[in-house]
Amino acid sequence: MSQEIILYSAALCGDCQHLKAFMDAHNVNYTLRDIRENLAYGEELEAQTGKLGVPYLVIDGEWIRGYEVGKPFSEDFAKSLFGL
């Protein structure tokens, strides 16, 4: 099953870097949208979610937070995002 995945991210975001590394290691194909390099991506994210919190994913059109609020990156959480 092929999914269209967009990752909203920022270079200085630790959770973003962990999630990107996880996705790369598990051969999850995605399009990267860095909200600091392209401010329009940040505007899209804020319009859809009401905030600029990253990482954020769009999986087959569904907006999904790519982190657990107040918790460090977790491989188990990342696996749950992709059904791994």
PDB file of N, CA and C in Angstrom:
ATOM      1  N   MET A   1       0.841  -1.178   0.000  1.00  0.00           N
ATOM      2  CA  MET A   1       0.000   0.000   0.000  1.00  0.00           C
ATOM      3  C   MET A   1       0.888   1.244   0.000  1.00  0.00           C
ATOM      4  N   SER A   2       0.672   2.104  -0.974  1.00  0.00           N
ATOM      5  CA  SER A   2       1.457   3.317  -1.099  1.00  0.00           C
ATOM      6  C   SER A   2       0.671   4.496  -0.549  1.00  0.00           C
ATOM      7  N   GLN A   3       1.303   5.256   0.311  1.00  0.00           N
ATOM      8  CA  GLN A   3       0.663   6.414   0.910  1.00  0.00           C
ATOM      9  C   GLN A   3       1.378   7.671   0.434  1.00  0.00           C
ATOM     10  N   GLU A   4       0.629   8.760   0.304  1.00  0.00           N
ATOM     11  CA  GLU A   4       1.250  10.047   0.057  1.00  0.00           C
ATOM     12  C   GLU A   4       1.496  10.685   1.411  1.00  0.00           C
ATOM     13  N   ILE A   5       2.767  10.970   1.705  1.00  0.00           N
ATOM     14  CA  ILE A   5       3.133  11.505   3.012  1.00  0.00           C
ATOM     15  C   ILE A   5       3.913  12.801   2.826  1.00  0.00           C
ATOM     16  N   ILE A   6       3.484  13.827   3.539  1.00  0.00           N
ATOM     17  CA  ILE A   6       4.201  15.097   3.577  1.00  0.00           C
ATOM     18  C   ILE A   6       4.637  15.308   5.021  1.00  0.00           C
ATOM     19  N   LEU A   7       5.905  15.657   5.201  1.00  0.00           N
ATOM     20  CA  LEU A   7       6.450  15.926   6.528  1.00  0.00           C
ATOM     21  C   LEU A   7       6.764  17.408   6.646  1.00  0.00           C
ATOM     22  N   TYR A   8       6.052  18.097   7.525  1.00  0.00           N
ATOM     23  CA  TYR A   8       6.366  19.489   7.850  1.00  0.00           C
ATOM     24  C   TYR A   8       7.390  19.444   8.968  1.00  0.00           C
ATOM     25  N   SER A   9       8.493  20.162   8.773  1.00  0.00           N
ATOM     26  CA  SER A   9       9.644  19.997   9.636  1.00  0.00           C
ATOM     27  C   SER A   9      10.413  21.311   9.717  1.00  0.00           C
ATOM     28  N   ALA A  10      11.443  21.329  10.549  1.00  0.00           N
ATOM     29  CA  ALA A  10      12.392  22.437  10.622  1.00  0.00           C
ATOM     30  C   ALA A  10      13.756  21.854  10.971  1.00  0.00           C
ATOM     31  N   ALA A  11      14.791  22.422  10.381  1.00  0.00           N
ATOM     32  CA  ALA A  11      16.145  21.887  10.548  1.00  0.00           C
ATOM     33  C   ALA A  11      16.613  21.876  12.006  1.00  0.00           C
ATOM     34  N   LEU A  12      16.187  22.859  12.798  1.00  0.00           N
ATOM     35  CA  LEU A  12      16.648  22.946  14.180  1.00  0.00           C
ATOM     36  C   LEU A  12      15.763  22.188  15.160  1.00  0.00           C
ATOM     37  N   CYS A  13      14.801  21.441  14.667  1.00  0.00           N
ATOM     38  CA  CYS A  13      13.864  20.684  15.504  1.00  0.00           C
ATOM     39  C   CYS A  13      14.408  19.272  15.725  1.00  0.00           C
ATOM     40  N   GLY A  14      14.730  18.947  16.971  1.00  0.00           N
ATOM     41  CA  GLY A  14      15.284  17.629  17.283  1.00  0.00           C
ATOM     42  C   GLY A  14      14.331  16.492  16.970  1.00  0.00           C
ATOM     43  N   ASP A  15      13.056  16.634  17.364  1.00  0.00           N
ATOM     44  CA  ASP A  15      12.073  15.587  17.073  1.00  0.00           C
ATOM     45  C   ASP A  15      11.909  15.395  15.568  1.00  0.00           C
ATOM     46  N   CYS A  16      11.997  16.496  14.819  1.00  0.00           N
ATOM     47  CA  CYS A  16      11.893  16.400  13.355  1.00  0.00           C
ATOM     48  C   CYS A  16      13.036  15.553  12.796  1.00  0.00           C
ATOM     49  N   GLN A  17      14.230  15.797  13.292  1.00  0.00           N
ATOM     50  CA  GLN A  17      15.395  15.057  12.792  1.00  0.00           C
ATOM     51  C   GLN A  17      15.295  13.577  13.156  1.00  0.00           C
ATOM     52  N   HIS A  18      14.807  13.282  14.357  1.00  0.00           N
ATOM     53  CA  HIS A  18      14.616  11.885  14.762  1.00  0.00           C
ATOM     54  C   HIS A  18      13.572  11.208  13.882  1.00  0.00           C
ATOM     55  N   LEU A  19      12.465  11.911  13.627  1.00  0.00           N
ATOM     56  CA  LEU A  19      11.404  11.322  12.809  1.00  0.00           C
ATOM     57  C   LEU A  19      11.876  11.115  11.377  1.00  0.00           C
ATOM     58  N   LYS A  20      12.600  12.077  10.824  1.00  0.00           N
ATOM     59  CA  LYS A  20      13.136  11.923   9.462  1.00  0.00           C
ATOM     60  C   LYS A  20      14.076  10.715   9.389  1.00  0.00           C
ATOM     61  N   ALA A  21      14.962  10.579  10.377  1.00  0.00           N
ATOM     62  CA  ALA A  21      15.897   9.449  10.399  1.00  0.00           C
ATOM     63  C   ALA A  21      15.131   8.127  10.498  1.00  0.00           C
ATOM     64  N   PHE A  22      14.084   8.100  11.327  1.00  0.00           N
ATOM     65  CA  PHE A  22      13.254   6.904  11.466  1.00  0.00           C
ATOM     66  C   PHE A  22      12.603   6.558  10.124  1.00  0.00           C
ATOM     67  N   MET A  23      12.016   7.566   9.481  1.00  0.00           N
ATOM     68  CA  MET A  23      11.338   7.344   8.201  1.00  0.00           C
ATOM     69  C   MET A  23      12.323   6.852   7.136  1.00  0.00           C
ATOM     70  N   ASP A  24      13.505   7.450   7.110  1.00  0.00           N
ATOM     71  CA  ASP A  24      14.529   7.025   6.146  1.00  0.00           C
ATOM     72  C   ASP A  24      14.953   5.575   6.419  1.00  0.00           C
ATOM     73  N   ALA A  25      15.161   5.246   7.688  1.00  0.00           N
ATOM     74  CA  ALA A  25      15.602   3.893   8.056  1.00  0.00           C
ATOM     75  C   ALA A  25      14.552   2.838   7.720  1.00  0.00           C
ATOM     76  N   HIS A  26      13.271   3.238   7.724  1.00  0.00           N
ATOM     77  CA  HIS A  26      12.184   2.294   7.445  1.00  0.00           C
ATOM     78  C   HIS A  26      11.632   2.447   6.025  1.00  0.00           C
ATOM     79  N   ASN A  27      12.401   3.136   5.182  1.00  0.00           N
ATOM     80  CA  ASN A  27      12.042   3.319   3.769  1.00  0.00           C
ATOM     81  C   ASN A  27      10.640   3.882   3.580  1.00  0.00           C
ATOM     82  N   VAL A  28      10.290   4.846   4.429  1.00  0.00           N
ATOM     83  CA  VAL A  28       9.013   5.547   4.292  1.00  0.00           C
ATOM     84  C   VAL A  28       9.244   6.722   3.349  1.00  0.00           C
ATOM     85  N   ASN A  29       8.597   6.710   2.208  1.00  0.00           N
ATOM     86  CA  ASN A  29       8.749   7.792   1.240  1.00  0.00           C
ATOM     87  C   ASN A  29       7.907   8.988   1.673  1.00  0.00           C
ATOM     88  N   TYR A  30       8.495  10.179   1.572  1.00  0.00           N
ATOM     89  CA  TYR A  30       7.792  11.382   1.986  1.00  0.00           C
ATOM     90  C   TYR A  30       8.336  12.592   1.242  1.00  0.00           C
ATOM     91  N   THR A  31       7.542  13.635   1.249  1.00  0.00           N
ATOM     92  CA  THR A  31       7.956  14.936   0.740  1.00  0.00           C
ATOM     93  C   THR A  31       8.224  15.818   1.949  1.00  0.00           C
ATOM     94  N   LEU A  32       9.382  16.445   1.974  1.00  0.00           N
ATOM     95  CA  LEU A  32       9.776  17.286   3.103  1.00  0.00           C
ATOM     96  C   LEU A  32       9.391  18.733   2.837  1.00  0.00           C
ATOM     97  N   ARG A  33       8.767  19.360   3.811  1.00  0.00           N
ATOM     98  CA  ARG A  33       8.438  20.781   3.742  1.00  0.00           C
ATOM     99  C   ARG A  33       8.995  21.463   4.985  1.00  0.00           C
ATOM    100  N   ASP A  34      10.128  22.154   4.814  1.00  0.00           N
ATOM    101  CA  ASP A  34      10.776  22.844   5.926  1.00  0.00           C
ATOM    102  C   ASP A  34      10.118  24.209   6.100  1.00  0.00           C
ATOM    103  N   ILE A  35       9.498  24.418   7.267  1.00  0.00           N
ATOM    104  CA  ILE A  35       8.728  25.641   7.495  1.00  0.00           C
ATOM    105  C   ILE A  35       9.619  26.862   7.725  1.00  0.00           C
ATOM    106  N   ARG A  36      10.896  26.674   7.940  1.00  0.00           N
ATOM    107  CA  ARG A  36      11.818  27.799   8.106  1.00  0.00           C
ATOM    108  C   ARG A  36      12.433  28.199   6.764  1.00  0.00           C
ATOM    109  N   GLU A  37      12.657  27.235   5.890  1.00  0.00           N
ATOM    110  CA  GLU A  37      13.228  27.532   4.577  1.00  0.00           C
ATOM    111  C   GLU A  37      12.184  28.114   3.632  1.00  0.00           C
ATOM    112  N   ASN A  38      10.924  27.734   3.806  1.00  0.00           N
ATOM    113  CA  ASN A  38       9.838  28.223   2.954  1.00  0.00           C
ATOM    114  C   ASN A  38       8.680  28.620   3.864  1.00  0.00           C
ATOM    115  N   LEU A  39       8.522  29.921   4.072  1.00  0.00           N
ATOM    116  CA  LEU A  39       7.519  30.407   5.016  1.00  0.00           C
ATOM    117  C   LEU A  39       6.099  30.042   4.594  1.00  0.00           C
ATOM    118  N   ALA A  40       5.876  29.819   3.302  1.00  0.00           N
ATOM    119  CA  ALA A  40       4.541  29.421   2.836  1.00  0.00           C
ATOM    120  C   ALA A  40       4.148  28.073   3.441  1.00  0.00           C
ATOM    121  N   TYR A  41       5.124  27.181   3.664  1.00  0.00           N
ATOM    122  CA  TYR A  41       4.828  25.890   4.296  1.00  0.00           C
ATOM    123  C   TYR A  41       4.366  26.102   5.737  1.00  0.00           C
ATOM    124  N   GLY A  42       4.996  27.051   6.427  1.00  0.00           N
ATOM    125  CA  GLY A  42       4.572  27.369   7.785  1.00  0.00           C
ATOM    126  C   GLY A  42       3.159  27.937   7.809  1.00  0.00           C
ATOM    127  N   GLU A  43       2.835  28.752   6.803  1.00  0.00           N
ATOM    128  CA  GLU A  43       1.484  29.311   6.719  1.00  0.00           C
ATOM    129  C   GLU A  43       0.458  28.204   6.464  1.00  0.00           C
ATOM    130  N   GLU A  44       0.810  27.238   5.604  1.00  0.00           N
ATOM    131  CA  GLU A  44      -0.081  26.086   5.355  1.00  0.00           C
ATOM    132  C   GLU A  44      -0.316  25.323   6.651  1.00  0.00           C
ATOM    133  N   LEU A  45       0.760  25.033   7.366  1.00  0.00           N
ATOM    134  CA  LEU A  45       0.676  24.275   8.614  1.00  0.00           C
ATOM    135  C   LEU A  45      -0.196  25.004   9.629  1.00  0.00           C
ATOM    136  N   GLU A  46       0.040  26.289   9.793  1.00  0.00           N
ATOM    137  CA  GLU A  46      -0.727  27.058  10.773  1.00  0.00           C
ATOM    138  C   GLU A  46      -2.204  27.150  10.375  1.00  0.00           C
ATOM    139  N   ALA A  47      -2.472  27.291   9.082  1.00  0.00           N
ATOM    140  CA  ALA A  47      -3.861  27.367   8.619  1.00  0.00           C
ATOM    141  C   ALA A  47      -4.618  26.062   8.893  1.00  0.00           C
ATOM    142  N   GLN A  48      -3.926  24.933   8.790  1.00  0.00           N
ATOM    143  CA  GLN A  48      -4.563  23.630   8.976  1.00  0.00           C
ATOM    144  C   GLN A  48      -4.644  23.192  10.430  1.00  0.00           C
ATOM    145  N   THR A  49      -3.637  23.571  11.224  1.00  0.00           N
ATOM    146  CA  THR A  49      -3.549  23.046  12.590  1.00  0.00           C
ATOM    147  C   THR A  49      -3.717  24.107  13.671  1.00  0.00           C
ATOM    148  N   GLY A  50      -3.613  25.375  13.290  1.00  0.00           N
ATOM    149  CA  GLY A  50      -3.718  26.451  14.267  1.00  0.00           C
ATOM    150  C   GLY A  50      -2.421  26.745  14.988  1.00  0.00           C
ATOM    151  N   LYS A  51      -1.342  26.081  14.592  1.00  0.00           N
ATOM    152  CA  LYS A  51      -0.049  26.301  15.250  1.00  0.00           C
ATOM    153  C   LYS A  51       1.088  25.965  14.304  1.00  0.00           C
ATOM    154  N   LEU A  52       2.305  26.226  14.763  1.00  0.00           N
ATOM    155  CA  LEU A  52       3.495  25.935  13.966  1.00  0.00           C
ATOM    156  C   LEU A  52       4.307  24.800  14.575  1.00  0.00           C
ATOM    157  N   GLY A  53       3.667  23.933  15.326  1.00  0.00           N
ATOM    158  CA  GLY A  53       4.369  22.808  15.960  1.00  0.00           C
ATOM    159  C   GLY A  53       4.791  21.768  14.940  1.00  0.00           C
ATOM    160  N   VAL A  54       6.061  21.436  14.945  1.00  0.00           N
ATOM    161  CA  VAL A  54       6.584  20.395  14.062  1.00  0.00           C
ATOM    162  C   VAL A  54       7.305  19.359  14.905  1.00  0.00           C
ATOM    163  N   PRO A  55       7.431  18.128  14.428  1.00  0.00           N
ATOM    164  CA  PRO A  55       7.017  17.648  13.115  1.00  0.00           C
ATOM    165  C   PRO A  55       5.505  17.430  13.027  1.00  0.00           C
ATOM    166  N   TYR A  56       4.987  17.655  11.830  1.00  0.00           N
ATOM    167  CA  TYR A  56       3.585  17.393  11.529  1.00  0.00           C
ATOM    168  C   TYR A  56       3.541  16.660  10.203  1.00  0.00           C
ATOM    169  N   LEU A  57       2.645  15.710  10.101  1.00  0.00           N
ATOM    170  CA  LEU A  57       2.532  14.890   8.892  1.00  0.00           C
ATOM    171  C   LEU A  57       1.174  15.074   8.239  1.00  0.00           C
ATOM    172  N   VAL A  58       1.160  14.919   6.935  1.00  0.00           N
ATOM    173  CA  VAL A  58      -0.091  14.772   6.210  1.00  0.00           C
ATOM    174  C   VAL A  58       0.020  13.411   5.529  1.00  0.00           C
ATOM    175  N   ILE A  59      -0.820  12.477   5.957  1.00  0.00           N
ATOM    176  CA  ILE A  59      -0.795  11.123   5.396  1.00  0.00           C
ATOM    177  C   ILE A  59      -2.108  10.906   4.672  1.00  0.00           C
ATOM    178  N   ASP A  60      -2.009  10.785   3.351  1.00  0.00           N
ATOM    179  CA  ASP A  60      -3.204  10.633   2.507  1.00  0.00           C
ATOM    180  C   ASP A  60      -4.262  11.683   2.844  1.00  0.00           C
ATOM    181  N   GLY A  61      -3.820  12.930   3.007  1.00  0.00           N
ATOM    182  CA  GLY A  61      -4.736  14.039   3.230  1.00  0.00           C
ATOM    183  C   GLY A  61      -5.124  14.281   4.675  1.00  0.00           C
ATOM    184  N   GLU A  62      -4.731  13.398   5.590  1.00  0.00           N
ATOM    185  CA  GLU A  62      -5.069  13.548   7.010  1.00  0.00           C
ATOM    186  C   GLU A  62      -3.897  14.171   7.771  1.00  0.00           C
ATOM    187  N   TRP A  63      -4.167  15.261   8.485  1.00  0.00           N
ATOM    188  CA  TRP A  63      -3.137  15.959   9.267  1.00  0.00           C
ATOM    189  C   TRP A  63      -2.946  15.238  10.605  1.00  0.00           C
ATOM    190  N   ILE A  64      -1.689  14.846  10.890  1.00  0.00           N
ATOM    191  CA  ILE A  64      -1.374  14.062  12.081  1.00  0.00           C
ATOM    192  C   ILE A  64      -0.135  14.644  12.755  1.00  0.00           C
ATOM    193  N   ARG A  65      -0.243  14.916  14.051  1.00  0.00           N
ATOM    194  CA  ARG A  65       0.913  15.400  14.802  1.00  0.00           C
ATOM    195  C   ARG A  65       1.978  14.316  14.821  1.00  0.00           C
ATOM    196  N   GLY A  66       3.217  14.686  14.516  1.00  0.00           N
ATOM    197  CA  GLY A  66       4.307  13.716  14.445  1.00  0.00           C
ATOM    198  C   GLY A  66       5.118  13.627  15.722  1.00  0.00           C
ATOM    199  N   TYR A  67       4.537  14.049  16.821  1.00  0.00           N
ATOM    200  CA  TYR A  67       5.221  13.999  18.119  1.00  0.00           C
ATOM    201  C   TYR A  67       4.184  13.844  19.216  1.00  0.00           C
ATOM    202  N   GLU A  68       4.656  13.409  20.363  1.00  0.00           N
ATOM    203  CA  GLU A  68       3.795  13.312  21.540  1.00  0.00           C
ATOM    204  C   GLU A  68       4.092  14.519  22.424  1.00  0.00           C
ATOM    205  N   VAL A  69       3.077  15.307  22.718  1.00  0.00           N
ATOM    206  CA  VAL A  69       3.260  16.534  23.490  1.00  0.00           C
ATOM    207  C   VAL A  69       3.924  16.222  24.830  1.00  0.00           C
ATOM    208  N   GLY A  70       5.013  16.935  25.098  1.00  0.00           N
ATOM    209  CA  GLY A  70       5.697  16.805  26.384  1.00  0.00           C
ATOM    210  C   GLY A  70       6.542  15.557  26.545  1.00  0.00           C
ATOM    211  N   LYS A  71       6.703  14.779  25.468  1.00  0.00           N
ATOM    212  CA  LYS A  71       7.494  13.548  25.570  1.00  0.00           C
ATOM    213  C   LYS A  71       8.609  13.563  24.524  1.00  0.00           C
ATOM    214  N   PRO A  72       9.723  12.893  24.824  1.00  0.00           N
ATOM    215  CA  PRO A  72      10.796  12.798  23.828  1.00  0.00           C
ATOM    216  C   PRO A  72      10.389  11.860  22.690  1.00  0.00           C
ATOM    217  N   PHE A  73      11.149  11.924  21.601  1.00  0.00           N
ATOM    218  CA  PHE A  73      10.882  11.061  20.461  1.00  0.00           C
ATOM    219  C   PHE A  73      10.834   9.600  20.905  1.00  0.00           C
ATOM    220  N   SER A  74       9.888   8.860  20.352  1.00  0.00           N
ATOM    221  CA  SER A  74       9.727   7.450  20.677  1.00  0.00           C
ATOM    222  C   SER A  74       9.557   6.646  19.396  1.00  0.00           C
ATOM    223  N   GLU A  75      10.389   5.618  19.239  1.00  0.00           N
ATOM    224  CA  GLU A  75      10.253   4.756  18.061  1.00  0.00           C
ATOM    225  C   GLU A  75       8.895   4.071  18.039  1.00  0.00           C
ATOM    226  N   ASP A  76       8.387   3.689  19.197  1.00  0.00           N
ATOM    227  CA  ASP A  76       7.074   3.043  19.249  1.00  0.00           C
ATOM    228  C   ASP A  76       5.986   3.984  18.728  1.00  0.00           C
ATOM    229  N   PHE A  77       6.058   5.254  19.118  1.00  0.00           N
ATOM    230  CA  PHE A  77       5.084   6.223  18.625  1.00  0.00           C
ATOM    231  C   PHE A  77       5.241   6.392  17.117  1.00  0.00           C
ATOM    232  N   ALA A  78       6.482   6.495  16.661  1.00  0.00           N
ATOM    233  CA  ALA A  78       6.733   6.660  15.224  1.00  0.00           C
ATOM    234  C   ALA A  78       6.185   5.457  14.446  1.00  0.00           C
ATOM    235  N   LYS A  79       6.393   4.259  14.968  1.00  0.00           N
ATOM    236  CA  LYS A  79       5.864   3.064  14.310  1.00  0.00           C
ATOM    237  C   LYS A  79       4.344   3.121  14.211  1.00  0.00           C
ATOM    238  N   SER A  80       3.701   3.639  15.261  1.00  0.00           N
ATOM    239  CA  SER A  80       2.243   3.706  15.253  1.00  0.00           C
ATOM    240  C   SER A  80       1.734   4.667  14.177  1.00  0.00           C
ATOM    241  N   LEU A  81       2.514   5.668  13.837  1.00  0.00           N
ATOM    242  CA  LEU A  81       2.112   6.620  12.806  1.00  0.00           C
ATOM    243  C   LEU A  81       1.982   5.963  11.431  1.00  0.00           C
ATOM    244  N   PHE A  82       2.829   4.963  11.203  1.00  0.00           N
ATOM    245  CA  PHE A  82       2.905   4.339   9.884  1.00  0.00           C
ATOM    246  C   PHE A  82       2.422   2.889   9.865  1.00  0.00           C
ATOM    247  N   GLY A  83       1.880   2.429  10.982  1.00  0.00           N
ATOM    248  CA  GLY A  83       1.401   1.056  11.048  1.00  0.00           C
ATOM    249  C   GLY A  83       2.506   0.030  10.938  1.00  0.00           C
ATOM    250  N   LEU A  84       3.674   0.347  11.495  1.00  0.00           N
ATOM    251  CA  LEU A  84       4.824  -0.583  11.443  1.00  0.00           C
ATOM    252  C   LEU A  84       4.903  -1.424  12.711  1.00  0.00           C
TER     253      LEU A  84
END
